[in-house]
Amino acid sequence: MATTGATLRIQLLGPVRAWRDGAEMALGPPKQRAVLSLLASRPGDIMGVENIVDAVWGSDVPQTAVNGVHTYVAGLRRVLEPGRAGRAAGTVLASESGGYCLRVDPADVDVTLFTRTLGDARRSRGQGDVDATLRLYEQALSYWHGEALFRIPGPFAAMERDRLRDLRLTVVEERAADMLAAGHHAELVTELPGTVSEEPMREKLRWLLILALYRSGRRAHALWMYEETRDLLIRELGIEPGADLRTLHEQILSGHPELLAPGADTASPLFAHRRGLLPGTPKPVQLPPLARGFVGRTEELARLEEAVRGESARGGPTTPVVVVGGPAGVGKTALVLQLAHRLVDCFPDGQLYVDLQGADLERGPASAADALEQLLGGLGVDGARVPPNSAARTALYRSLLHGQRMLVVLDDAHSAEQVRPLIPRGSSGVLATSRQHLGALAARDGAHLDTIGPLTAGEGAHLLALLSGGRLERRDPAAERLVALCGGLPLPLRIVAQWLAANPGVPLSALVEQYTTVRGRLEPALGA
């Protein structure tokens, strides 16, 4: 290189810049920088004037284009060789055979350094030296300072920009794959999201990030990322994810050992979801306490327990769903909770509970989306990672429960449409209560519907005797009268029993005669 031993350094991987002996030079207008970019991309090669014209102007060539090339070359010579005499031949930007040649050491152009270092990284990769390979990949990426040939006009710059961007993304993917192989998944969880946001349609990047999340113990986030990717591809391109992404999703759902990080085993927290847990999340045990003094329902409990256990034992894709119906106050919730506690051994991965507020006249029924948010929270999904819409929440919820034996209790359902998105697939089970007849769940989802009625006179009297603080005996005529007045409904009977126990000094006959007053207190509790 000439210019009395001066050192030039040229940057193309970002805004086009150049330094002479460490001092940055002003490179002139955009098309002048476009000429430098073309010549610096081929250091030592002769570029004909016509080729330069095509590269800078493309098909929109003005009559002054050739003169423009000479003008831009002259401007670059003044910058690159400030000590050159006016008519002296250029030594850095030389005229050769009807064209021009930039005589610089290729190692002084960052694109050349990038491609050389990438070649070294790939050779090291082939030799199996992971640490050396990662260092070389990091060195190659360090040459980048933004979008290549930033704001440089012309078709050559546009094509070169696209080529270099794709090459850089390939390097990011190769490095990420080697980092995963070396067990550096935690670093990737923080590094890759930025690149994914820049190139959201690049499936390989998303594949790498999803696997890194999974290996970092963030299974729910990994599944959420897959659903986000699928929604994006369908919305923008009308296509499903490719085979690699779909396979990864299926392997995450099944906890395939192939996804384990190097050196991990099935005792790893990655496999905690097989025990009904997400890493760091307690096993969900959300069932409310059993009602004190539960009586009767022996036949109903036996029938429902047999239905759930039988369906569960058969396995397969069908989820056992039982819906207990009946009027307000009949004891649906108490019955379902008794049944749920009996079935704990059948669903060892935990129990989830949601009040769907189907009879709440003030607030109205809970939406399926709100119920799913609560259920996902019980499964360890951070609130910030809960998908925004109901369909995506359902997909994540079912993905997390895939392969689990989890019991889901849905209390006070309003409609089949409210319940359906909350039914997982496979080996989990669902118990629900509702004042409505949810026949659509039986027709479309195979739910087992069972409507319960009032307690018998003997069962009602037994309940009063248990809860009235000794005020009544089972065969007391007053007990029989109160059972009849309450219609055999457990909730009114419990309230009456509490009332009796709370007023030990008032004669029993007087309390019975005041039942009309008590009935007024019961109506809000019954939702009447």
Protein backbone atom coordinates (compact mmCIF):
# COMPACT_ATOMS: atom_id res chain seq x y z
CA MET A 1 0.00 0.00 0.00
CA ALA A 2 1.25 3.51 -0.80
CA THR A 3 0.78 6.93 0.79
CA THR A 4 4.12 6.92 2.61
CA GLY A 5 3.28 3.97 4.75
CA ALA A 6 -0.04 5.33 6.03
CA THR A 7 -2.44 2.69 7.39
CA LEU A 8 -6.02 2.62 6.13
CA ARG A 9 -8.88 0.84 7.87
CA ILE A 10 -12.33 0.55 6.26
CA GLN A 11 -15.62 -0.41 7.90
CA LEU A 12 -18.50 -1.78 5.84
CA LEU A 13 -20.29 -3.78 8.57
CA GLY A 14 -22.33 -0.85 9.81
CA PRO A 15 -22.17 2.78 8.65
CA VAL A 16 -19.42 3.02 6.01
CA ARG A 17 -16.41 4.65 7.65
CA ALA A 18 -12.64 4.85 7.06
CA TRP A 19 -9.60 5.81 9.15
CA ARG A 20 -6.14 6.91 8.04
CA ASP A 21 -3.46 6.35 10.68
CA GLY A 22 -6.24 6.16 13.27
CA ALA A 23 -7.92 9.41 12.24
CA GLU A 24 -11.40 9.13 10.74
CA MET A 25 -11.90 10.60 7.26
CA ALA A 26 -14.93 12.35 5.80
CA LEU A 27 -15.95 10.14 2.89
CA GLY A 28 -18.26 12.51 1.08
CA PRO A 29 -21.77 12.12 -0.32
CA PRO A 30 -23.71 8.80 -0.37
CA LYS A 31 -22.84 7.80 -3.95
CA GLN A 32 -19.15 8.52 -3.33
CA ARG A 33 -19.32 6.20 -0.34
CA ALA A 34 -21.16 3.69 -2.55
CA VAL A 35 -18.15 3.69 -4.93
CA LEU A 36 -15.78 3.13 -2.01
CA SER A 37 -17.99 0.31 -0.67
CA LEU A 38 -17.89 -1.50 -4.01
CA LEU A 39 -14.10 -1.19 -4.37
CA ALA A 40 -13.46 -2.08 -0.70
CA SER A 41 -15.58 -5.20 -1.08
CA ARG A 42 -13.12 -6.39 -3.77
CA PRO A 43 -9.73 -5.05 -2.60
CA GLY A 44 -7.08 -5.51 -5.29
CA ASP A 45 -9.64 -6.29 -8.01
CA ILE A 46 -10.09 -4.01 -11.02
CA MET A 47 -13.66 -2.74 -11.37
CA GLY A 48 -14.59 -1.36 -14.80
CA VAL A 49 -16.33 1.99 -14.97
CA GLU A 50 -19.43 0.37 -16.49
CA ASN A 51 -19.54 -2.10 -13.60
CA ILE A 52 -19.31 0.76 -11.13
CA VAL A 53 -22.13 2.58 -12.91
CA ASP A 54 -24.34 -0.52 -12.74
CA ALA A 55 -23.52 -1.05 -9.07
CA VAL A 56 -24.28 2.54 -8.04
CA TRP A 57 -27.18 3.50 -10.36
CA GLY A 58 -28.61 0.21 -11.59
CA SER A 59 -31.19 0.61 -14.37
CA ASP A 60 -31.74 4.31 -13.61
CA VAL A 61 -28.52 5.54 -15.23
CA PRO A 62 -28.23 9.29 -15.96
CA GLN A 63 -26.17 10.53 -18.92
CA THR A 64 -23.68 11.97 -16.45
CA ALA A 65 -23.07 8.61 -14.69
CA VAL A 66 -19.57 8.01 -16.16
CA ASN A 67 -18.47 11.53 -15.33
CA GLY A 68 -19.99 10.99 -11.91
CA VAL A 69 -17.78 7.93 -11.35
CA HIS A 70 -14.67 9.93 -12.24
CA THR A 71 -15.80 12.75 -9.95
CA TYR A 72 -16.39 10.38 -7.02
CA VAL A 73 -13.04 8.66 -7.58
CA ALA A 74 -11.29 12.03 -7.57
CA GLY A 75 -13.05 12.91 -4.33
CA LEU A 76 -12.02 9.63 -2.73
CA ARG A 77 -8.41 10.11 -3.83
CA ARG A 78 -8.31 13.49 -2.11
CA VAL A 79 -9.50 11.81 1.10
CA LEU A 80 -7.45 8.60 0.91
CA GLU A 81 -4.24 10.20 -0.41
CA PRO A 82 -4.17 13.75 0.88
CA GLY A 83 -0.48 14.25 0.03
CA ARG A 84 -0.80 13.20 -3.63
CA ALA A 85 0.08 15.79 -6.26
CA GLY A 86 -2.85 16.98 -8.37
CA ARG A 87 -2.04 15.03 -11.57
CA ALA A 88 -0.02 12.22 -10.01
CA ALA A 89 -1.26 8.67 -10.48
CA GLY A 90 -3.20 7.28 -7.57
CA THR A 91 -1.42 4.61 -5.58
CA VAL A 92 -4.23 3.68 -3.15
CA LEU A 93 -7.10 4.17 -5.58
CA ALA A 94 -5.37 3.33 -8.85
CA SER A 95 -6.54 3.63 -12.47
CA GLU A 96 -6.18 0.28 -14.25
CA SER A 97 -7.30 -0.79 -17.77
CA GLY A 98 -10.45 1.29 -18.00
CA GLY A 99 -11.37 0.84 -14.38
CA TYR A 100 -10.28 1.39 -10.83
CA CYS A 101 -8.65 -0.71 -8.12
CA LEU A 102 -8.46 -0.09 -4.37
CA ARG A 103 -4.98 -1.16 -3.31
CA VAL A 104 -5.39 -1.90 0.40
CA ASP A 105 -4.53 -4.89 2.48
CA PRO A 106 -7.69 -7.05 2.58
CA ALA A 107 -7.12 -7.46 6.31
CA ASP A 108 -7.79 -3.72 6.69
CA VAL A 109 -11.41 -4.17 5.53
CA ASP A 110 -13.77 -5.49 8.21
CA VAL A 111 -15.77 -7.66 5.78
CA THR A 112 -12.60 -9.58 4.90
CA LEU A 113 -11.74 -10.01 8.59
CA PHE A 114 -15.26 -11.24 9.28
CA THR A 115 -15.24 -13.86 6.50
CA ARG A 116 -11.71 -15.04 7.36
CA THR A 117 -12.55 -15.42 11.04
CA LEU A 118 -15.77 -17.22 10.15
CA GLY A 119 -13.75 -19.69 8.07
CA ASP A 120 -11.42 -20.26 11.03
CA ALA A 121 -14.43 -20.84 13.32
CA ARG A 122 -15.93 -23.41 10.98
CA ARG A 123 -12.63 -25.26 10.66
CA SER A 124 -12.28 -25.28 14.43
CA ARG A 125 -15.85 -26.52 14.67
CA GLY A 126 -14.98 -29.45 12.44
CA GLN A 127 -12.10 -30.34 14.74
CA GLY A 128 -14.39 -30.45 17.78
CA ASP A 129 -12.68 -27.68 19.80
CA VAL A 130 -15.82 -26.05 21.22
CA ASP A 131 -14.12 -23.37 23.34
CA ALA A 132 -11.86 -22.22 20.50
CA THR A 133 -14.80 -22.28 18.10
CA LEU A 134 -16.94 -20.10 20.35
CA ARG A 135 -14.11 -17.58 20.74
CA LEU A 136 -13.72 -17.36 16.97
CA TYR A 137 -17.47 -16.94 16.41
CA GLU A 138 -17.53 -14.16 19.01
CA GLN A 139 -14.56 -12.49 17.30
CA ALA A 140 -16.31 -12.67 13.93
CA LEU A 141 -19.47 -11.08 15.30
CA SER A 142 -17.45 -8.36 17.03
CA TYR A 143 -16.70 -6.78 13.63
CA TRP A 144 -20.34 -5.82 13.22
CA HIS A 145 -21.46 -2.31 14.20
CA GLY A 146 -24.97 -2.24 12.80
CA GLU A 147 -26.58 -2.92 9.45
CA ALA A 148 -23.97 -3.52 6.77
CA LEU A 149 -23.51 -0.69 4.23
CA PHE A 150 -25.96 1.37 6.22
CA ARG A 151 -27.86 3.84 4.00
CA ILE A 152 -25.55 3.27 1.04
CA PRO A 153 -27.55 3.65 -2.21
CA GLY A 154 -27.51 1.44 -5.27
CA PRO A 155 -28.33 -2.15 -6.23
CA PHE A 156 -24.92 -3.52 -5.26
CA ALA A 157 -25.23 -2.15 -1.73
CA ALA A 158 -28.78 -3.52 -1.41
CA MET A 159 -27.77 -7.02 -2.53
CA GLU A 160 -24.60 -7.02 -0.45
CA ARG A 161 -26.52 -5.80 2.59
CA ASP A 162 -28.97 -8.70 2.27
CA ARG A 163 -26.17 -11.22 1.70
CA LEU A 164 -24.17 -10.06 4.70
CA ARG A 165 -27.24 -9.90 6.95
CA ASP A 166 -28.12 -13.48 6.12
CA LEU A 167 -24.51 -14.56 6.68
CA ARG A 168 -24.43 -12.84 10.06
CA LEU A 169 -27.67 -14.57 11.12
CA THR A 170 -26.21 -17.90 10.06
CA VAL A 171 -23.18 -17.18 12.25
CA VAL A 172 -25.47 -16.32 15.17
CA GLU A 173 -27.30 -19.63 14.66
CA GLU A 174 -24.09 -21.67 14.37
CA ARG A 175 -22.67 -20.07 17.50
CA ALA A 176 -25.95 -20.60 19.39
CA ALA A 177 -26.00 -24.28 18.41
CA ASP A 178 -22.43 -24.70 19.70
CA MET A 179 -23.32 -22.85 22.91
CA LEU A 180 -26.22 -25.25 23.47
CA ALA A 181 -23.87 -28.17 22.85
CA ALA A 182 -21.49 -26.72 25.45
CA GLY A 183 -24.27 -26.23 28.02
CA HIS A 184 -24.38 -22.42 27.78
CA HIS A 185 -28.18 -22.27 27.40
CA ALA A 186 -28.65 -19.69 30.17
CA GLU A 187 -26.56 -17.12 28.26
CA LEU A 188 -28.60 -17.70 25.12
CA VAL A 189 -31.84 -16.95 26.95
CA THR A 190 -30.61 -13.38 27.39
CA GLU A 191 -28.80 -13.02 24.05
CA LEU A 192 -31.19 -14.44 21.47
CA PRO A 193 -34.45 -12.53 22.12
CA GLY A 194 -33.01 -9.35 20.59
CA THR A 195 -32.03 -11.12 17.37
CA VAL A 196 -35.38 -12.92 17.25
CA SER A 197 -37.21 -9.60 17.51
CA GLU A 198 -35.12 -8.27 14.59
CA GLU A 199 -35.80 -11.37 12.46
CA PRO A 200 -39.14 -12.70 13.77
CA MET A 201 -39.80 -14.99 10.80
CA ARG A 202 -36.52 -16.91 11.05
CA GLU A 203 -37.60 -20.27 12.44
CA LYS A 204 -34.11 -21.56 13.22
CA LEU A 205 -33.49 -18.69 15.63
CA ARG A 206 -36.77 -19.39 17.39
CA TRP A 207 -35.96 -23.11 17.53
CA LEU A 208 -32.69 -22.31 19.29
CA LEU A 209 -34.31 -19.90 21.74
CA ILE A 210 -37.12 -22.33 22.59
CA LEU A 211 -34.62 -25.10 23.32
CA ALA A 212 -32.46 -22.73 25.39
CA LEU A 213 -35.53 -21.74 27.44
CA TYR A 214 -36.46 -25.37 27.99
CA ARG A 215 -32.94 -26.33 29.08
CA SER A 216 -32.93 -23.36 31.45
CA GLY A 217 -35.93 -24.83 33.27
CA ARG A 218 -38.41 -22.42 31.66
CA ARG A 219 -40.69 -24.97 30.05
CA ALA A 220 -43.80 -22.80 30.22
CA HIS A 221 -41.99 -19.91 28.52
CA ALA A 222 -40.65 -22.28 25.86
CA LEU A 223 -44.16 -23.53 25.10
CA TRP A 224 -45.47 -19.96 25.06
CA MET A 225 -42.74 -19.01 22.58
CA TYR A 226 -43.78 -21.89 20.31
CA GLU A 227 -47.42 -20.80 20.39
CA GLU A 228 -46.37 -17.20 19.65
CA THR A 229 -44.28 -18.44 16.71
CA ARG A 230 -47.15 -20.53 15.36
CA ASP A 231 -49.61 -17.62 15.64
CA LEU A 232 -47.14 -15.31 13.87
CA LEU A 233 -46.50 -17.70 10.98
CA ILE A 234 -50.20 -18.39 10.46
CA ARG A 235 -51.10 -14.70 10.66
CA GLU A 236 -48.31 -13.37 8.44
CA LEU A 237 -47.68 -16.24 6.00
CA GLY A 238 -50.64 -18.57 6.36
CA ILE A 239 -48.38 -21.54 7.20
CA GLU A 240 -47.74 -23.81 10.16
CA PRO A 241 -44.27 -24.04 11.76
CA GLY A 242 -41.77 -26.27 9.95
CA ALA A 243 -41.03 -29.87 10.83
CA ASP A 244 -38.08 -29.02 13.10
CA LEU A 245 -40.12 -26.66 15.26
CA ARG A 246 -43.08 -29.04 15.44
CA THR A 247 -40.80 -31.91 16.48
CA LEU A 248 -39.18 -29.77 19.17
CA HIS A 249 -42.62 -28.84 20.49
CA GLU A 250 -43.67 -32.48 20.69
CA GLN A 251 -40.41 -33.43 22.42
CA ILE A 252 -40.88 -30.69 25.01
CA LEU A 253 -44.41 -31.90 25.72
CA SER A 254 -43.20 -35.46 26.24
CA GLY A 255 -39.99 -34.50 28.08
CA HIS A 256 -37.88 -36.34 25.53
CA PRO A 257 -34.40 -37.13 26.94
CA GLU A 258 -32.84 -35.99 23.66
CA LEU A 259 -33.51 -32.39 24.78
CA LEU A 260 -31.37 -32.72 27.90
CA ALA A 261 -28.38 -30.44 28.21
CA PRO A 262 -24.97 -32.16 28.12
CA GLY A 263 -24.36 -33.93 31.42
CA ALA A 264 -27.97 -33.65 32.61
CA ASP A 265 -30.13 -36.63 33.56
CA THR A 266 -33.76 -37.32 34.31
CA ALA A 267 -33.30 -36.09 37.89
CA SER A 268 -32.71 -32.63 36.38
CA PRO A 269 -35.25 -29.88 37.09
CA LEU A 270 -36.06 -30.08 33.39
CA PHE A 271 -38.04 -33.21 34.18
CA ALA A 272 -39.87 -31.70 37.12
CA HIS A 273 -42.94 -31.23 34.91
CA ARG A 274 -43.25 -35.01 34.71
CA ARG A 275 -43.97 -34.88 38.42
CA GLY A 276 -46.64 -32.23 37.96
CA LEU A 277 -44.27 -29.31 38.59
CA LEU A 278 -42.58 -26.52 36.76
CA PRO A 279 -39.11 -25.82 38.15
CA GLY A 280 -39.36 -23.81 41.35
CA THR A 281 -43.15 -24.20 41.53
CA PRO A 282 -44.78 -26.10 44.41
CA LYS A 283 -47.03 -28.97 43.45
CA PRO A 284 -50.51 -27.43 43.16
CA VAL A 285 -52.77 -28.61 45.99
CA GLN A 286 -55.62 -26.10 45.70
CA LEU A 287 -58.67 -28.03 46.86
CA PRO A 288 -60.67 -26.12 49.52
CA PRO A 289 -61.16 -27.91 52.88
CA LEU A 290 -63.95 -30.44 53.18
CA ALA A 291 -67.23 -29.33 54.71
CA ARG A 292 -67.65 -30.34 58.36
CA GLY A 293 -70.42 -32.83 58.98
CA PHE A 294 -70.84 -34.15 55.44
CA VAL A 295 -73.61 -36.74 55.44
CA GLY A 296 -75.33 -38.97 52.91
CA ARG A 297 -74.54 -39.11 49.17
CA THR A 298 -73.10 -42.61 49.53
CA GLU A 299 -74.58 -43.89 46.28
CA GLU A 300 -73.73 -40.71 44.34
CA LEU A 301 -70.11 -40.75 45.49
CA ALA A 302 -69.67 -44.41 44.64
CA ARG A 303 -71.22 -43.92 41.20
CA LEU A 304 -69.13 -40.86 40.32
CA GLU A 305 -65.90 -42.31 41.70
CA GLU A 306 -66.37 -45.44 39.61
CA ALA A 307 -67.02 -43.32 36.50
CA VAL A 308 -63.82 -41.27 36.94
CA ARG A 309 -61.57 -44.17 37.93
CA GLY A 310 -62.86 -46.32 35.12
CA GLU A 311 -62.28 -43.64 32.49
CA SER A 312 -58.86 -42.82 33.92
CA ALA A 313 -57.78 -46.45 34.02
CA ARG A 314 -58.60 -46.91 30.35
CA GLY A 315 -56.11 -44.16 29.43
CA GLY A 316 -56.11 -42.89 25.89
CA PRO A 317 -56.87 -39.37 24.68
CA THR A 318 -60.21 -38.95 26.47
CA THR A 319 -60.21 -36.77 29.61
CA PRO A 320 -62.64 -37.86 32.35
CA VAL A 321 -65.13 -35.00 32.89
CA VAL A 322 -67.84 -35.18 35.55
CA VAL A 323 -70.40 -32.39 36.02
CA VAL A 324 -72.56 -32.41 39.15
CA GLY A 325 -75.75 -30.41 38.69
CA GLY A 326 -78.65 -29.44 40.90
CA PRO A 327 -80.45 -26.46 42.44
CA ALA A 328 -78.89 -23.82 44.68
CA GLY A 329 -77.98 -25.09 48.13
CA VAL A 330 -78.22 -28.79 47.25
CA GLY A 331 -74.55 -29.42 48.16
CA LYS A 332 -72.93 -29.77 44.76
CA THR A 333 -69.61 -28.25 45.82
CA ALA A 334 -69.44 -30.28 49.05
CA LEU A 335 -70.08 -33.47 47.07
CA VAL A 336 -67.48 -32.68 44.41
CA LEU A 337 -64.84 -31.84 47.02
CA GLN A 338 -65.52 -35.14 48.79
CA LEU A 339 -65.14 -36.89 45.45
CA ALA A 340 -61.95 -34.96 44.65
CA HIS A 341 -60.31 -35.96 47.92
CA ARG A 342 -61.20 -39.59 47.26
CA LEU A 343 -59.50 -39.36 43.85
CA VAL A 344 -56.22 -37.80 44.99
CA ASP A 345 -54.36 -41.08 44.49
CA CYS A 346 -55.65 -41.25 40.91
CA PHE A 347 -54.21 -37.81 40.09
CA PRO A 348 -50.82 -37.65 41.84
CA ASP A 349 -49.52 -34.57 39.98
CA GLY A 350 -51.77 -32.19 41.92
CA GLN A 351 -55.13 -30.49 42.08
CA LEU A 352 -56.21 -27.15 40.60
CA TYR A 353 -59.33 -25.28 41.71
CA VAL A 354 -61.21 -22.36 40.13
CA ASP A 355 -64.47 -20.66 41.17
CA LEU A 356 -66.18 -19.80 37.87
CA GLN A 357 -68.78 -17.55 39.58
CA GLY A 358 -71.62 -18.87 37.44
CA ALA A 359 -74.30 -17.68 39.89
CA ASP A 360 -72.62 -14.41 40.91
CA LEU A 361 -75.31 -11.83 40.14
CA GLU A 362 -73.09 -8.88 41.03
CA ARG A 363 -69.86 -9.69 39.16
CA GLY A 364 -71.22 -12.13 36.60
CA PRO A 365 -69.56 -15.38 35.47
CA ALA A 366 -65.77 -15.44 35.16
CA SER A 367 -64.54 -15.50 31.59
CA ALA A 368 -62.65 -18.54 30.33
CA ALA A 369 -59.63 -16.27 29.76
CA ASP A 370 -59.61 -15.14 33.41
CA ALA A 371 -60.00 -18.73 34.61
CA LEU A 372 -57.10 -19.81 32.38
CA GLU A 373 -54.91 -17.05 33.79
CA GLN A 374 -55.59 -18.40 37.30
CA LEU A 375 -54.93 -21.99 36.22
CA LEU A 376 -51.67 -21.04 34.47
CA GLY A 377 -50.57 -19.23 37.62
CA GLY A 378 -51.16 -22.42 39.57
CA LEU A 379 -48.90 -24.21 37.09
CA GLY A 380 -46.07 -21.76 37.67
CA VAL A 381 -46.51 -19.44 34.69
CA ASP A 382 -45.39 -15.91 35.51
CA GLY A 383 -48.13 -13.34 34.90
CA ALA A 384 -45.97 -11.51 32.36
CA ARG A 385 -45.76 -14.73 30.32
CA VAL A 386 -49.49 -15.46 30.19
CA PRO A 387 -50.61 -15.12 26.53
CA PRO A 388 -52.99 -12.23 25.85
CA ASN A 389 -55.86 -14.13 24.26
CA SER A 390 -57.98 -17.05 25.39
CA ALA A 391 -57.04 -19.42 22.55
CA ALA A 392 -53.31 -19.04 23.23
CA ARG A 393 -53.90 -19.47 26.97
CA THR A 394 -55.82 -22.68 26.32
CA ALA A 395 -53.03 -24.00 24.11
CA LEU A 396 -50.38 -23.26 26.74
CA TYR A 397 -52.53 -24.69 29.55
CA ARG A 398 -53.11 -27.94 27.65
CA SER A 399 -49.45 -28.13 26.68
CA LEU A 400 -48.36 -27.84 30.31
CA LEU A 401 -50.79 -30.56 31.39
CA HIS A 402 -49.83 -32.89 28.55
CA GLY A 403 -48.79 -36.19 30.09
CA GLN A 404 -49.83 -35.05 33.59
CA ARG A 405 -52.32 -36.66 35.93
CA MET A 406 -53.80 -33.46 37.35
CA LEU A 407 -57.29 -33.05 38.80
CA VAL A 408 -59.03 -29.80 37.83
CA VAL A 409 -62.06 -28.72 39.88
CA LEU A 410 -64.29 -26.08 38.25
CA ASP A 411 -66.86 -24.81 40.73
CA ASP A 412 -70.12 -23.05 39.80
CA ALA A 413 -69.86 -23.22 36.01
CA HIS A 414 -72.22 -21.07 33.97
CA SER A 415 -72.12 -22.73 30.55
CA ALA A 416 -70.43 -25.36 28.41
CA GLU A 417 -68.63 -22.59 26.50
CA GLN A 418 -67.08 -21.37 29.74
CA VAL A 419 -65.90 -24.88 30.73
CA ARG A 420 -64.73 -26.28 27.39
CA PRO A 421 -61.45 -24.29 27.09
CA LEU A 422 -60.53 -25.43 30.62
CA ILE A 423 -60.64 -29.14 29.83
CA PRO A 424 -57.10 -30.53 29.39
CA ARG A 425 -56.34 -33.40 27.06
CA GLY A 426 -55.33 -36.89 28.09
CA SER A 427 -54.71 -38.27 31.55
CA SER A 428 -55.87 -35.35 33.71
CA GLY A 429 -59.46 -35.18 34.99
CA VAL A 430 -62.14 -32.53 35.49
CA LEU A 431 -64.84 -32.25 38.14
CA ALA A 432 -67.34 -29.40 37.75
CA THR A 433 -70.48 -28.11 39.42
CA SER A 434 -73.27 -26.08 37.83
CA ARG A 435 -76.81 -24.96 38.44
CA GLN A 436 -77.33 -25.13 34.68
CA HIS A 437 -77.82 -28.26 32.62
CA LEU A 438 -74.59 -28.54 30.61
CA GLY A 439 -75.89 -31.03 28.07
CA ALA A 440 -73.54 -29.66 25.38
CA LEU A 441 -70.57 -30.93 27.39
CA ALA A 442 -72.02 -34.41 27.35
CA ALA A 443 -72.79 -34.27 23.63
CA ARG A 444 -69.51 -32.79 22.40
CA ASP A 445 -67.01 -33.61 25.13
CA GLY A 446 -68.29 -36.89 26.55
CA ALA A 447 -68.89 -35.43 30.02
CA HIS A 448 -70.68 -37.54 32.61
CA LEU A 449 -73.63 -35.49 33.95
CA ASP A 450 -75.13 -36.30 37.34
CA THR A 451 -77.90 -34.27 38.97
CA ILE A 452 -78.31 -34.55 42.73
CA GLY A 453 -81.41 -33.85 44.80
CA PRO A 454 -82.18 -32.96 48.42
CA LEU A 455 -81.09 -35.06 51.37
CA THR A 456 -83.52 -37.60 52.74
CA ALA A 457 -85.36 -36.69 55.94
CA GLY A 458 -83.04 -38.93 57.95
CA GLU A 459 -79.88 -37.49 56.36
CA GLY A 460 -81.10 -33.93 56.93
CA ALA A 461 -81.90 -34.63 60.59
CA HIS A 462 -78.48 -36.23 61.00
CA LEU A 463 -76.82 -33.09 59.57
CA LEU A 464 -78.76 -30.85 61.98
CA ALA A 465 -77.82 -33.07 64.92
CA LEU A 466 -74.13 -32.94 63.98
CA LEU A 467 -73.93 -29.16 63.56
CA SER A 468 -76.47 -27.67 66.02
CA GLY A 469 -74.24 -27.88 69.07
CA GLY A 470 -76.39 -30.50 70.78
CA ARG A 471 -79.64 -28.57 70.40
CA LEU A 472 -81.25 -31.33 68.35
CA GLU A 473 -81.32 -35.10 68.28
CA ARG A 474 -81.68 -37.03 65.03
CA ARG A 475 -85.19 -38.24 65.91
CA ASP A 476 -86.36 -34.94 67.40
CA PRO A 477 -89.70 -33.88 65.83
CA ALA A 478 -88.28 -30.35 65.56
CA ALA A 479 -85.45 -31.68 63.42
CA GLU A 480 -87.90 -33.36 61.07
CA ARG A 481 -89.90 -30.15 60.80
CA LEU A 482 -86.80 -28.06 60.03
CA VAL A 483 -85.65 -30.54 57.39
CA ALA A 484 -89.04 -30.25 55.71
CA LEU A 485 -89.01 -26.46 55.92
CA CYS A 486 -85.52 -26.37 54.36
CA GLY A 487 -86.60 -28.71 51.60
CA GLY A 488 -83.81 -31.12 52.54
CA LEU A 489 -81.20 -28.74 51.06
CA PRO A 490 -77.85 -29.00 52.86
CA LEU A 491 -76.95 -25.29 52.70
CA PRO A 492 -80.12 -24.02 54.41
CA LEU A 493 -79.84 -26.86 56.92
CA ARG A 494 -76.26 -25.83 57.76
CA ILE A 495 -77.29 -22.21 58.25
CA VAL A 496 -80.18 -23.24 60.46
CA ALA A 497 -77.91 -25.51 62.48
CA GLN A 498 -75.44 -22.65 62.96
CA TRP A 499 -78.31 -20.41 64.06
CA LEU A 500 -79.46 -22.99 66.59
CA ALA A 501 -75.96 -23.45 67.99
CA ALA A 502 -75.48 -19.68 68.27
CA ASN A 503 -78.66 -19.20 70.38
CA PRO A 504 -78.49 -21.79 73.17
CA GLY A 505 -80.70 -19.73 75.53
CA VAL A 506 -83.67 -19.46 73.18
CA PRO A 507 -86.22 -22.31 73.45
CA LEU A 508 -86.14 -24.67 70.52
CA SER A 509 -89.86 -24.29 69.85
CA ALA A 510 -89.47 -20.53 69.55
CA LEU A 511 -86.53 -20.90 67.16
CA VAL A 512 -88.49 -23.23 64.94
CA GLU A 513 -91.41 -20.81 64.84
CA GLN A 514 -89.00 -18.03 63.78
CA TYR A 515 -87.84 -20.00 60.75
CA THR A 516 -89.57 -17.55 58.43
CA THR A 517 -87.10 -14.90 59.61
CA VAL A 518 -84.22 -17.29 59.07
CA ARG A 519 -85.50 -18.05 55.57
CA GLY A 520 -85.06 -14.38 54.70
CA ARG A 521 -81.44 -14.64 55.71
CA LEU A 522 -80.96 -17.75 53.63
CA GLU A 523 -82.10 -16.34 50.30
CA PRO A 524 -78.94 -14.28 49.61
CA ALA A 525 -76.78 -17.31 50.40
CA LEU A 526 -78.80 -19.42 47.99
CA GLY A 527 -78.72 -16.86 45.22
CA ALA A 528 -82.54 -16.91 45.13
